[in-house]
């Protein structure tokens, strides 16, 4: 088996319209497809990043909350690679989104920070290595 990359991450949101605006307008993800599944009373929104990876956004009637303690078992956070963490942090803050202070990864020396989506899902901005930067 040879796994090549992450194809998508799936997120179930509590308020579909709020999360759709957040991921498309605040984060700038491109809508690939949007489907309403009447039998499930559920939306499925496929959102793309420039490299082709995707975020799938789902709505379901009354989804149960997920425990969200920092070290709870399960997916810890979703990280997006960016060229300039400080510039992205400033852009998010200008849109009214709270962003933690920028830290430096002790092993890679790369900068990163965290913020949250409308349901409190931890999202990370992680700076690309200089060779991968498009600056």
Foldseek 3Di string as FASTA:
>chain_A
DDDDDAQEAEDEDADVVQLVCCCCPLVNWAWPDWDQDVVQRKIWTWTADPVNHTYIYMYGPPDDDDDQDCPDPDDNAAEDEDADAVVSCVSNVVVVWDKDDWDADPVPRWIKTWTAGPSRGIYMYTYDPPVPHPD
